Amino acid sequence: MTSEHEAYIQALSDVRSWHRWQIGQTLGDMRTVLVHESAIAWLDVLISTKRQHAAEDQAERQLARVANSQTGMPQT
């Protein structure tokens, strides 16, 4: 995973943590809890999608390196 991917996922995780903290600060207002839980669920999907894309990008880069090493092309 590139440092860009890691930074993006960390930022999303930080926002998710903030929403979790906000739930802890509510005084039983169910609408507020539901809004934050909805945001957390959306962030979970976004984080998992970003991790999947990062893994796919990494696999493509590795395949390209292998192919380039077998053909003698410079590696990128």
Protein backbone atom coordinates (compact mmCIF):
# COMPACT_ATOMS: atom_id res chain seq x y z
CA MET A 1 0.00 0.00 0.00
CA THR A 2 1.41 3.39 -0.91
CA SER A 3 1.84 6.14 1.63
CA GLU A 4 -0.96 8.03 -0.17
CA HIS A 5 -3.35 5.12 0.35
CA GLU A 6 -2.31 4.78 3.98
CA ALA A 7 -2.79 8.50 4.65
CA TYR A 8 -6.23 8.51 3.02
CA ILE A 9 -7.37 5.47 4.99
CA GLN A 10 -5.99 6.99 8.20
CA ALA A 11 -7.95 10.19 7.56
CA LEU A 12 -11.15 8.20 7.02
CA SER A 13 -10.45 6.21 10.18
CA ASP A 14 -9.96 9.43 12.13
CA VAL A 15 -13.32 10.75 10.94
CA ARG A 16 -14.90 7.41 11.89
CA SER A 17 -13.38 7.70 15.38
CA TRP A 18 -14.78 11.21 15.71
CA HIS A 19 -18.28 9.94 14.91
CA ARG A 20 -17.85 7.13 17.44
CA TRP A 21 -16.77 9.74 20.04
CA GLN A 22 -19.81 11.87 19.19
CA ILE A 23 -22.10 8.90 19.91
CA GLY A 24 -20.49 8.64 23.34
CA GLN A 25 -21.20 12.34 23.96
CA THR A 26 -24.92 12.19 23.13
CA LEU A 27 -27.35 12.17 25.98
CA GLY A 28 -29.69 9.56 24.57
CA ASP A 29 -30.87 11.53 21.54
CA MET A 30 -31.61 8.61 19.24
CA ARG A 31 -31.70 10.76 16.09
CA THR A 32 -28.16 11.94 16.77
CA VAL A 33 -26.98 8.40 17.49
CA LEU A 34 -28.59 7.12 14.27
CA VAL A 35 -26.99 9.87 12.18
CA HIS A 36 -23.54 9.10 13.55
CA GLU A 37 -24.05 5.34 13.19
CA SER A 38 -25.10 5.89 9.59
CA ALA A 39 -21.96 7.95 8.96
CA ILE A 40 -19.82 5.22 10.55
CA ALA A 41 -21.41 2.54 8.36
CA TRP A 42 -20.78 4.65 5.25
CA LEU A 43 -17.16 5.25 6.30
CA ASP A 44 -16.68 1.51 6.90
CA VAL A 45 -17.76 0.84 3.31
CA LEU A 46 -15.54 3.61 2.00
CA ILE A 47 -12.51 2.39 3.99
CA SER A 48 -12.98 -1.21 2.87
CA THR A 49 -13.36 -0.12 -0.77
CA LYS A 50 -10.22 2.00 -0.55
CA ARG A 51 -8.27 -0.90 0.99
CA GLN A 52 -9.49 -3.21 -1.78
CA HIS A 53 -8.45 -0.73 -4.48
CA ALA A 54 -5.06 -0.28 -2.83
CA ALA A 55 -4.54 -4.06 -2.76
CA GLU A 56 -5.54 -4.31 -6.43
CA ASP A 57 -3.14 -1.48 -7.34
CA GLN A 58 -0.34 -3.21 -5.43
CA ALA A 59 -1.04 -6.52 -7.21
CA GLU A 60 -0.97 -4.79 -10.60
CA ARG A 61 2.35 -3.11 -9.77
CA GLN A 62 3.84 -6.44 -8.70
CA LEU A 63 2.63 -8.13 -11.89
CA ALA A 64 4.14 -5.32 -13.95
CA ARG A 65 7.47 -5.69 -12.12
CA VAL A 66 7.51 -9.44 -12.77
CA ALA A 67 6.61 -8.97 -16.42
CA ASN A 68 9.23 -6.25 -16.84
CA SER A 69 11.92 -8.32 -15.14
CA GLN A 70 11.20 -11.22 -17.51
CA THR A 71 11.34 -9.04 -20.61
CA GLY A 72 14.31 -6.96 -19.50
CA MET A 73 12.29 -3.75 -19.52
CA PRO A 74 13.11 -1.12 -16.88
CA GLN A 75 11.05 -1.41 -13.72
CA THR A 76 8.78 1.44 -12.69
